Amino acid sequence: MLERIEKLQIAILGLLLAFGLIFAVKSGVSPFKQNSVTVTGSAYEIVTSDSGTLQVELEVKAPTKAAAYALAKKQIPQVMEYLASKGFDVKKDVDVKSSNGYYSYKYYPNGNSSNEIERYNLSQAISIKSDDVEKIKEASLDITSLSDKGVDIDVNSTNYSYSKLPELKVELLKRATKDAKQRASAMLKSTNNGVGKIQSVRMGVFQITPVDSTDVSDMGINDTTTIEKKITAVSNVTFRIK
C-alpha cells in the first residue's frame, strides 16, 4: 500500500513538472507569438540657440498719473541709450510695448485703506530681440545697472530658441528609428532570429532640455531658458521577426 502511494506521488510530481515546463516555454516565447517585436529607439542632438528675446519692465512711481507718464517718457530714452551702447539697433531690435498702471492709496493707522491717493504706479514693458544670443545674455545680466542712474527696471524673462528645430526633428526621428532597429537586432540575435520589415512606427514626444538635464515629461519639455539645448527624440517601432 505504501509503495502504491509513493508511486502515485511520483506520478503527480512528474505531471506538475511537465505542466510547469510547458508554461515556462509558452512564457518564454510569448513576446514573439505574433512574429513581431516592439522596440523603443532614441536619438539626441545638442544645439546652440540662434535667437533670443529679453523682456524687461520699466517701473515708475509718481504722485500723479501725469507725473508718472512724464517720468517714463524721460527714462525710456535712457534705456534706449543703454541698449545702443550694448550694440543693439534700437529701431530694429527694441519694441516698446503699451504701458499700464494703477493707483496706490494711503492707509489709516488702524491698517484700513483710505480713499486718498498716495501715488500712481506705471509699468512700461520693453522687448529686445536679437540673433546674437550672447548679447541678449549680457544685457539680461547687466541692464538692472540702470538703477544707478535712477532708472528702476526689472528683467521679466529671457528666452532662447533654435530656428532649425523643424528640420532637426525630422532627422532625429530617422536616427531614433535606426537606433530601434539596432536594438531589436541585438535582442533577436540571441534567439537566432533577425529583424524584418517595419510593421508600425509611433513617434514619441520631444524633450528639449538644458544639456545636463535628465528631466522627461509625458507631455514633452520645451526649454527656452538656456542657450545650449539637448533635443531628444523617441521612436517606438514594431518590426516583423524573420
C-alpha atoms as a PDB file:
ATOM      1  CA  MET A   1       0.000   0.000   0.000  1.00  0.00           C
ATOM      2  CA  LEU A   2       2.761   2.398   0.950  1.00  0.00           C
ATOM      3  CA  GLU A   3       4.594   1.563  -2.257  1.00  0.00           C
ATOM      4  CA  ARG A   4       1.478   2.413  -4.339  1.00  0.00           C
ATOM      5  CA  ILE A   5       1.163   5.808  -2.575  1.00  0.00           C
ATOM      6  CA  GLU A   6       4.813   6.617  -3.260  1.00  0.00           C
ATOM      7  CA  LYS A   7       4.369   5.720  -6.940  1.00  0.00           C
ATOM      8  CA  LEU A   8       1.258   7.938  -7.098  1.00  0.00           C
ATOM      9  CA  GLN A   9       3.134  10.888  -5.534  1.00  0.00           C
ATOM     10  CA  ILE A  10       5.961  10.472  -8.039  1.00  0.00           C
ATOM     11  CA  ALA A  11       3.458  10.406 -10.902  1.00  0.00           C
ATOM     12  CA  ILE A  12       1.741  13.593  -9.647  1.00  0.00           C
ATOM     13  CA  LEU A  13       5.104  15.332  -9.210  1.00  0.00           C
ATOM     14  CA  GLY A  14       6.014  14.350 -12.768  1.00  0.00           C
ATOM     15  CA  LEU A  15       2.794  15.828 -14.110  1.00  0.00           C
ATOM     16  CA  LEU A  16       3.372  19.065 -12.203  1.00  0.00           C
ATOM     17  CA  LEU A  17       6.895  19.365 -13.594  1.00  0.00           C
ATOM     18  CA  ALA A  18       5.621  18.704 -17.100  1.00  0.00           C
ATOM     19  CA  PHE A  19       2.935  21.399 -16.828  1.00  0.00           C
ATOM     20  CA  GLY A  20       5.498  23.780 -15.372  1.00  0.00           C
ATOM     21  CA  LEU A  21       7.846  23.164 -18.292  1.00  0.00           C
ATOM     22  CA  ILE A  22       5.055  23.770 -20.811  1.00  0.00           C
ATOM     23  CA  PHE A  23       4.109  27.029 -19.078  1.00  0.00           C
ATOM     24  CA  ALA A  24       7.736  28.168 -18.966  1.00  0.00           C
ATOM     25  CA  VAL A  25       8.173  27.500 -22.683  1.00  0.00           C
ATOM     26  CA  LYS A  26       4.987  29.391 -23.508  1.00  0.00           C
ATOM     27  CA  SER A  27       6.060  32.292 -21.299  1.00  0.00           C
ATOM     28  CA  GLY A  28       9.454  32.391 -22.962  1.00  0.00           C
ATOM     29  CA  VAL A  29       8.102  32.665 -26.481  1.00  0.00           C
ATOM     30  CA  SER A  30       5.082  34.868 -25.739  1.00  0.00           C
ATOM     31  CA  PRO A  31       6.783  38.161 -26.829  1.00  0.00           C
ATOM     32  CA  PHE A  32       7.233  36.644 -30.292  1.00  0.00           C
ATOM     33  CA  LYS A  33       3.957  34.755 -30.657  1.00  0.00           C
ATOM     34  CA  GLN A  34       2.755  37.374 -33.167  1.00  0.00           C
ATOM     35  CA  ASN A  35       6.054  37.160 -35.080  1.00  0.00           C
ATOM     36  CA  SER A  36       6.882  40.756 -34.176  1.00  0.00           C
ATOM     37  CA  VAL A  37       8.817  42.724 -31.621  1.00  0.00           C
ATOM     38  CA  THR A  38       8.358  46.341 -30.441  1.00  0.00           C
ATOM     39  CA  VAL A  39      11.430  48.363 -29.514  1.00  0.00           C
ATOM     40  CA  THR A  40      11.985  51.956 -28.398  1.00  0.00           C
ATOM     41  CA  GLY A  41      14.827  53.857 -30.038  1.00  0.00           C
ATOM     42  CA  SER A  42      16.163  57.306 -29.225  1.00  0.00           C
ATOM     43  CA  ALA A  43      18.483  59.956 -30.625  1.00  0.00           C
ATOM     44  CA  TYR A  44      19.617  63.365 -29.452  1.00  0.00           C
ATOM     45  CA  GLU A  45      21.479  66.426 -30.641  1.00  0.00           C
ATOM     46  CA  ILE A  46      22.988  69.315 -28.708  1.00  0.00           C
ATOM     47  CA  VAL A  47      22.350  72.662 -30.400  1.00  0.00           C
ATOM     48  CA  THR A  48      23.109  76.317 -29.769  1.00  0.00           C
ATOM     49  CA  SER A  49      20.205  78.761 -29.838  1.00  0.00           C
ATOM     50  CA  ASP A  50      20.402  81.247 -32.695  1.00  0.00           C
ATOM     51  CA  SER A  51      17.986  83.904 -31.425  1.00  0.00           C
ATOM     52  CA  GLY A  52      16.975  85.400 -28.118  1.00  0.00           C
ATOM     53  CA  THR A  53      14.374  87.678 -26.581  1.00  0.00           C
ATOM     54  CA  LEU A  54      14.744  89.781 -23.456  1.00  0.00           C
ATOM     55  CA  GLN A  55      11.608  91.104 -21.773  1.00  0.00           C
ATOM     56  CA  VAL A  56      12.139  93.956 -19.319  1.00  0.00           C
ATOM     57  CA  GLU A  57       9.814  96.291 -17.455  1.00  0.00           C
ATOM     58  CA  LEU A  58      10.395  99.894 -16.542  1.00  0.00           C
ATOM     59  CA  GLU A  59       8.765 100.783 -13.214  1.00  0.00           C
ATOM     60  CA  VAL A  60       7.818 104.371 -12.409  1.00  0.00           C
ATOM     61  CA  LYS A  61       6.167 105.767  -9.282  1.00  0.00           C
ATOM     62  CA  ALA A  62       4.931 109.355  -9.036  1.00  0.00           C
ATOM     63  CA  PRO A  63       2.369 111.341  -7.021  1.00  0.00           C
ATOM     64  CA  THR A  64       0.064 111.660 -10.054  1.00  0.00           C
ATOM     65  CA  LYS A  65      -0.661 109.748 -13.221  1.00  0.00           C
ATOM     66  CA  ALA A  66       0.543 112.616 -15.384  1.00  0.00           C
ATOM     67  CA  ALA A  67       3.799 112.862 -13.447  1.00  0.00           C
ATOM     68  CA  ALA A  68       4.363 109.100 -13.821  1.00  0.00           C
ATOM     69  CA  TYR A  69       3.920 109.227 -17.610  1.00  0.00           C
ATOM     70  CA  ALA A  70       6.193 112.262 -17.830  1.00  0.00           C
ATOM     71  CA  LEU A  71       8.917 110.453 -15.871  1.00  0.00           C
ATOM     72  CA  ALA A  72       8.577 107.312 -18.014  1.00  0.00           C
ATOM     73  CA  LYS A  73       8.843 109.433 -21.152  1.00  0.00           C
ATOM     74  CA  LYS A  74      12.085 110.837 -19.773  1.00  0.00           C
ATOM     75  CA  GLN A  75      13.558 107.467 -18.749  1.00  0.00           C
ATOM     76  CA  ILE A  76      12.773 105.452 -21.905  1.00  0.00           C
ATOM     77  CA  PRO A  77      15.472 107.320 -23.907  1.00  0.00           C
ATOM     78  CA  GLN A  78      17.942 106.395 -21.157  1.00  0.00           C
ATOM     79  CA  VAL A  79      17.060 102.730 -21.639  1.00  0.00           C
ATOM     80  CA  MET A  80      17.466 103.116 -25.421  1.00  0.00           C
ATOM     81  CA  GLU A  81      20.840 104.781 -24.963  1.00  0.00           C
ATOM     82  CA  TYR A  82      21.957 101.883 -22.766  1.00  0.00           C
ATOM     83  CA  LEU A  83      20.812  99.265 -25.297  1.00  0.00           C
ATOM     84  CA  ALA A  84      22.533 101.115 -28.137  1.00  0.00           C
ATOM     85  CA  SER A  85      25.759 101.081 -26.110  1.00  0.00           C
ATOM     86  CA  LYS A  86      25.435  97.293 -25.909  1.00  0.00           C
ATOM     87  CA  GLY A  87      25.273  97.007 -29.698  1.00  0.00           C
ATOM     88  CA  PHE A  88      21.521  96.781 -30.265  1.00  0.00           C
ATOM     89  CA  ASP A  89      19.809  98.546 -33.154  1.00  0.00           C
ATOM     90  CA  VAL A  90      17.096 100.272 -31.116  1.00  0.00           C
ATOM     91  CA  LYS A  91      14.915 100.862 -34.179  1.00  0.00           C
ATOM     92  CA  LYS A  92      15.054  97.228 -35.274  1.00  0.00           C
ATOM     93  CA  ASP A  93      15.687  95.203 -32.137  1.00  0.00           C
ATOM     94  CA  VAL A  94      13.677  97.076 -29.494  1.00  0.00           C
ATOM     95  CA  ASP A  95       9.905  97.235 -29.144  1.00  0.00           C
ATOM     96  CA  VAL A  96       8.313  99.498 -26.536  1.00  0.00           C
ATOM     97  CA  LYS A  97       5.001  97.937 -25.524  1.00  0.00           C
ATOM     98  CA  SER A  98       1.888  99.651 -24.190  1.00  0.00           C
ATOM     99  CA  SER A  99       2.062 100.695 -20.552  1.00  0.00           C
ATOM    100  CA  ASN A 100      -0.310 100.038 -17.692  1.00  0.00           C
ATOM    101  CA  GLY A 101      -0.665 101.349 -14.181  1.00  0.00           C
ATOM    102  CA  TYR A 102      -2.694 101.649 -11.032  1.00  0.00           C
ATOM    103  CA  TYR A 103      -3.162 103.927  -8.030  1.00  0.00           C
ATOM    104  CA  SER A 104      -1.903 103.149  -4.544  1.00  0.00           C
ATOM    105  CA  TYR A 105      -3.922 104.545  -1.637  1.00  0.00           C
ATOM    106  CA  LYS A 106      -2.862 105.704   1.788  1.00  0.00           C
ATOM    107  CA  TYR A 107      -3.686 103.669   4.864  1.00  0.00           C
ATOM    108  CA  TYR A 108      -5.120 104.764   8.189  1.00  0.00           C
ATOM    109  CA  PRO A 109      -3.122 103.978  11.353  1.00  0.00           C
ATOM    110  CA  ASN A 110      -5.525 101.088  12.024  1.00  0.00           C
ATOM    111  CA  GLY A 111      -4.476  99.413   8.745  1.00  0.00           C
ATOM    112  CA  ASN A 112      -7.601 100.192   6.730  1.00  0.00           C
ATOM    113  CA  SER A 113      -7.267 101.689   3.254  1.00  0.00           C
ATOM    114  CA  SER A 114      -8.390 105.271   2.692  1.00  0.00           C
ATOM    115  CA  ASN A 115      -9.672 106.970  -0.469  1.00  0.00           C
ATOM    116  CA  GLU A 116      -6.676 109.311  -0.552  1.00  0.00           C
ATOM    117  CA  ILE A 117      -4.243 108.646  -3.402  1.00  0.00           C
ATOM    118  CA  GLU A 118      -0.651 108.046  -2.336  1.00  0.00           C
ATOM    119  CA  ARG A 119       0.950 107.571  -5.781  1.00  0.00           C
ATOM    120  CA  TYR A 120       0.486 106.234  -9.298  1.00  0.00           C
ATOM    121  CA  ASN A 121       2.450 103.104 -10.322  1.00  0.00           C
ATOM    122  CA  LEU A 122       3.324 102.818 -14.018  1.00  0.00           C
ATOM    123  CA  SER A 123       4.774  99.742 -15.732  1.00  0.00           C
ATOM    124  CA  GLN A 124       6.310 100.051 -19.190  1.00  0.00           C
ATOM    125  CA  ALA A 125       7.156  96.756 -20.942  1.00  0.00           C
ATOM    126  CA  ILE A 126      10.070  96.692 -23.389  1.00  0.00           C
ATOM    127  CA  SER A 127      11.044  93.742 -25.612  1.00  0.00           C
ATOM    128  CA  ILE A 128      14.549  93.287 -27.043  1.00  0.00           C
ATOM    129  CA  LYS A 129      15.265  90.696 -29.762  1.00  0.00           C
ATOM    130  CA  SER A 130      18.498  89.665 -31.414  1.00  0.00           C
ATOM    131  CA  ASP A 131      20.160  86.830 -33.319  1.00  0.00           C
ATOM    132  CA  ASP A 132      23.210  87.417 -31.110  1.00  0.00           C
ATOM    133  CA  VAL A 133      22.297  85.313 -28.081  1.00  0.00           C
ATOM    134  CA  GLU A 134      25.410  86.262 -26.148  1.00  0.00           C
ATOM    135  CA  LYS A 135      24.438  89.916 -26.472  1.00  0.00           C
ATOM    136  CA  ILE A 136      20.979  89.119 -25.110  1.00  0.00           C
ATOM    137  CA  LYS A 137      22.503  87.198 -22.211  1.00  0.00           C
ATOM    138  CA  GLU A 138      24.908  90.025 -21.353  1.00  0.00           C
ATOM    139  CA  ALA A 139      22.110  92.604 -21.381  1.00  0.00           C
ATOM    140  CA  SER A 140      19.888  90.408 -19.210  1.00  0.00           C
ATOM    141  CA  LEU A 141      22.604  90.269 -16.552  1.00  0.00           C
ATOM    142  CA  ASP A 142      23.568  93.938 -16.697  1.00  0.00           C
ATOM    143  CA  ILE A 143      20.519  96.044 -17.565  1.00  0.00           C
ATOM    144  CA  THR A 144      19.480  96.472 -13.926  1.00  0.00           C
ATOM    145  CA  SER A 145      22.648  98.554 -13.507  1.00  0.00           C
ATOM    146  CA  LEU A 146      20.494 101.407 -14.849  1.00  0.00           C
ATOM    147  CA  SER A 147      19.230 101.708 -11.282  1.00  0.00           C
ATOM    148  CA  ASP A 148      22.482 103.567 -10.590  1.00  0.00           C
ATOM    149  CA  LYS A 149      21.043 106.322 -12.809  1.00  0.00           C
ATOM    150  CA  GLY A 150      17.680 106.282 -11.091  1.00  0.00           C
ATOM    151  CA  VAL A 151      16.003 104.037 -13.658  1.00  0.00           C
ATOM    152  CA  ASP A 152      14.009 101.251 -11.989  1.00  0.00           C
ATOM    153  CA  ILE A 153      14.000  98.374 -14.474  1.00  0.00           C
ATOM    154  CA  ASP A 154      13.486  94.635 -13.960  1.00  0.00           C
ATOM    155  CA  VAL A 155      14.045  91.585 -16.159  1.00  0.00           C
ATOM    156  CA  ASN A 156      10.807  89.649 -16.673  1.00  0.00           C
ATOM    157  CA  SER A 157      12.160  86.821 -18.852  1.00  0.00           C
ATOM    158  CA  THR A 158      14.984  85.780 -21.152  1.00  0.00           C
ATOM    159  CA  ASN A 159      14.130  83.267 -23.885  1.00  0.00           C
ATOM    160  CA  TYR A 160      16.370  81.484 -26.376  1.00  0.00           C
ATOM    161  CA  SER A 161      15.229  79.496 -29.419  1.00  0.00           C
ATOM    162  CA  TYR A 162      16.666  77.443 -32.282  1.00  0.00           C
ATOM    163  CA  SER A 163      15.265  78.278 -35.723  1.00  0.00           C
ATOM    164  CA  LYS A 164      16.179  74.967 -37.431  1.00  0.00           C
ATOM    165  CA  LEU A 165      14.228  72.836 -34.976  1.00  0.00           C
ATOM    166  CA  PRO A 166      11.637  71.504 -37.502  1.00  0.00           C
ATOM    167  CA  GLU A 167      14.348  70.113 -39.798  1.00  0.00           C
ATOM    168  CA  LEU A 168      16.275  68.677 -36.868  1.00  0.00           C
ATOM    169  CA  LYS A 169      13.181  66.885 -35.541  1.00  0.00           C
ATOM    170  CA  VAL A 170      12.823  65.014 -38.841  1.00  0.00           C
ATOM    171  CA  GLU A 171      16.482  63.970 -38.774  1.00  0.00           C
ATOM    172  CA  LEU A 172      16.302  62.871 -35.135  1.00  0.00           C
ATOM    173  CA  LEU A 173      13.269  60.696 -35.832  1.00  0.00           C
ATOM    174  CA  LYS A 174      15.195  58.937 -38.600  1.00  0.00           C
ATOM    175  CA  ARG A 175      18.077  58.319 -36.226  1.00  0.00           C
ATOM    176  CA  ALA A 176      15.766  57.158 -33.425  1.00  0.00           C
ATOM    177  CA  THR A 177      14.144  54.626 -35.769  1.00  0.00           C
ATOM    178  CA  LYS A 178      17.573  53.379 -36.853  1.00  0.00           C
ATOM    179  CA  ASP A 179      18.531  53.029 -33.185  1.00  0.00           C
ATOM    180  CA  ALA A 180      15.373  50.992 -32.581  1.00  0.00           C
ATOM    181  CA  LYS A 181      16.347  48.618 -35.385  1.00  0.00           C
ATOM    182  CA  GLN A 182      19.832  48.165 -33.928  1.00  0.00           C
ATOM    183  CA  ARG A 183      18.354  47.366 -30.520  1.00  0.00           C
ATOM    184  CA  ALA A 184      15.872  44.903 -31.996  1.00  0.00           C
ATOM    185  CA  SER A 185      18.703  43.189 -33.871  1.00  0.00           C
ATOM    186  CA  ALA A 186      20.711  42.838 -30.655  1.00  0.00           C
ATOM    187  CA  MET A 187      17.678  41.373 -28.840  1.00  0.00           C
ATOM    188  CA  LEU A 188      16.875  38.831 -31.555  1.00  0.00           C
ATOM    189  CA  LYS A 189      20.447  37.749 -32.235  1.00  0.00           C
ATOM    190  CA  SER A 190      20.489  35.523 -29.156  1.00  0.00           C
ATOM    191  CA  THR A 191      17.358  33.717 -30.407  1.00  0.00           C
ATOM    192  CA  ASN A 192      18.795  33.172 -33.910  1.00  0.00           C
ATOM    193  CA  ASN A 193      16.151  35.478 -35.364  1.00  0.00           C
ATOM    194  CA  GLY A 194      16.522  38.596 -37.463  1.00  0.00           C
ATOM    195  CA  VAL A 195      14.791  41.929 -37.903  1.00  0.00           C
ATOM    196  CA  GLY A 196      12.266  42.087 -40.703  1.00  0.00           C
ATOM    197  CA  LYS A 197      10.171  44.890 -42.177  1.00  0.00           C
ATOM    198  CA  ILE A 198       8.667  47.642 -40.065  1.00  0.00           C
ATOM    199  CA  GLN A 199       5.034  46.995 -39.167  1.00  0.00           C
ATOM    200  CA  SER A 200       4.325  50.245 -37.342  1.00  0.00           C
ATOM    201  CA  VAL A 201       6.059  53.360 -36.027  1.00  0.00           C
ATOM    202  CA  ARG A 202       4.852  55.633 -33.237  1.00  0.00           C
ATOM    203  CA  MET A 203       6.620  58.919 -32.624  1.00  0.00           C
ATOM    204  CA  GLY A 204       7.202  59.872 -29.003  1.00  0.00           C
ATOM    205  CA  VAL A 205       7.224  63.432 -27.645  1.00  0.00           C
ATOM    206  CA  PHE A 206      10.332  65.574 -27.980  1.00  0.00           C
ATOM    207  CA  GLN A 207      12.289  66.596 -24.907  1.00  0.00           C
ATOM    208  CA  ILE A 208      14.068  69.951 -25.304  1.00  0.00           C
ATOM    209  CA  THR A 209      16.066  70.413 -22.131  1.00  0.00           C
ATOM    210  CA  PRO A 210      19.228  72.029 -20.772  1.00  0.00           C
ATOM    211  CA  VAL A 211      22.251  69.958 -21.768  1.00  0.00           C
ATOM    212  CA  ASP A 212      22.851  68.434 -18.323  1.00  0.00           C
ATOM    213  CA  SER A 213      19.184  67.837 -17.522  1.00  0.00           C
ATOM    214  CA  THR A 214      17.743  64.329 -17.144  1.00  0.00           C
ATOM    215  CA  ASP A 215      14.137  65.529 -16.871  1.00  0.00           C
ATOM    216  CA  VAL A 216      11.466  63.944 -19.060  1.00  0.00           C
ATOM    217  CA  SER A 217       7.740  64.532 -19.360  1.00  0.00           C
ATOM    218  CA  ASP A 218       4.888  62.606 -20.961  1.00  0.00           C
ATOM    219  CA  MET A 219       3.787  65.918 -22.464  1.00  0.00           C
ATOM    220  CA  GLY A 220       7.288  66.841 -23.651  1.00  0.00           C
ATOM    221  CA  ILE A 221       9.604  69.602 -22.430  1.00  0.00           C
ATOM    222  CA  ASN A 222      10.413  72.800 -24.301  1.00  0.00           C
ATOM    223  CA  ASP A 223      13.213  74.654 -22.537  1.00  0.00           C
ATOM    224  CA  THR A 224      13.647  78.283 -23.618  1.00  0.00           C
ATOM    225  CA  THR A 225      15.832  79.469 -20.731  1.00  0.00           C
ATOM    226  CA  THR A 226      19.228  78.164 -21.891  1.00  0.00           C
ATOM    227  CA  ILE A 227      21.380  78.883 -24.925  1.00  0.00           C
ATOM    228  CA  GLU A 228      22.730  75.320 -25.202  1.00  0.00           C
ATOM    229  CA  LYS A 229      19.945  72.742 -25.509  1.00  0.00           C
ATOM    230  CA  LYS A 230      19.667  68.972 -25.740  1.00  0.00           C
ATOM    231  CA  ILE A 231      16.941  67.825 -28.134  1.00  0.00           C
ATOM    232  CA  THR A 232      15.895  64.203 -27.746  1.00  0.00           C
ATOM    233  CA  ALA A 233      13.556  62.205 -29.992  1.00  0.00           C
ATOM    234  CA  VAL A 234      11.961  58.835 -29.213  1.00  0.00           C
ATOM    235  CA  SER A 235      10.516  56.360 -31.702  1.00  0.00           C
ATOM    236  CA  ASN A 236       8.531  53.211 -30.829  1.00  0.00           C
ATOM    237  CA  VAL A 237       8.898  50.733 -33.710  1.00  0.00           C
ATOM    238  CA  THR A 238       7.339  47.314 -34.271  1.00  0.00           C
ATOM    239  CA  PHE A 239       9.396  45.009 -36.511  1.00  0.00           C
ATOM    240  CA  ARG A 240       8.449  41.697 -38.100  1.00  0.00           C
ATOM    241  CA  ILE A 241      10.673  38.834 -36.941  1.00  0.00           C
ATOM    242  CA  LYS A 242      12.340  36.744 -39.601  1.00  0.00           C
END
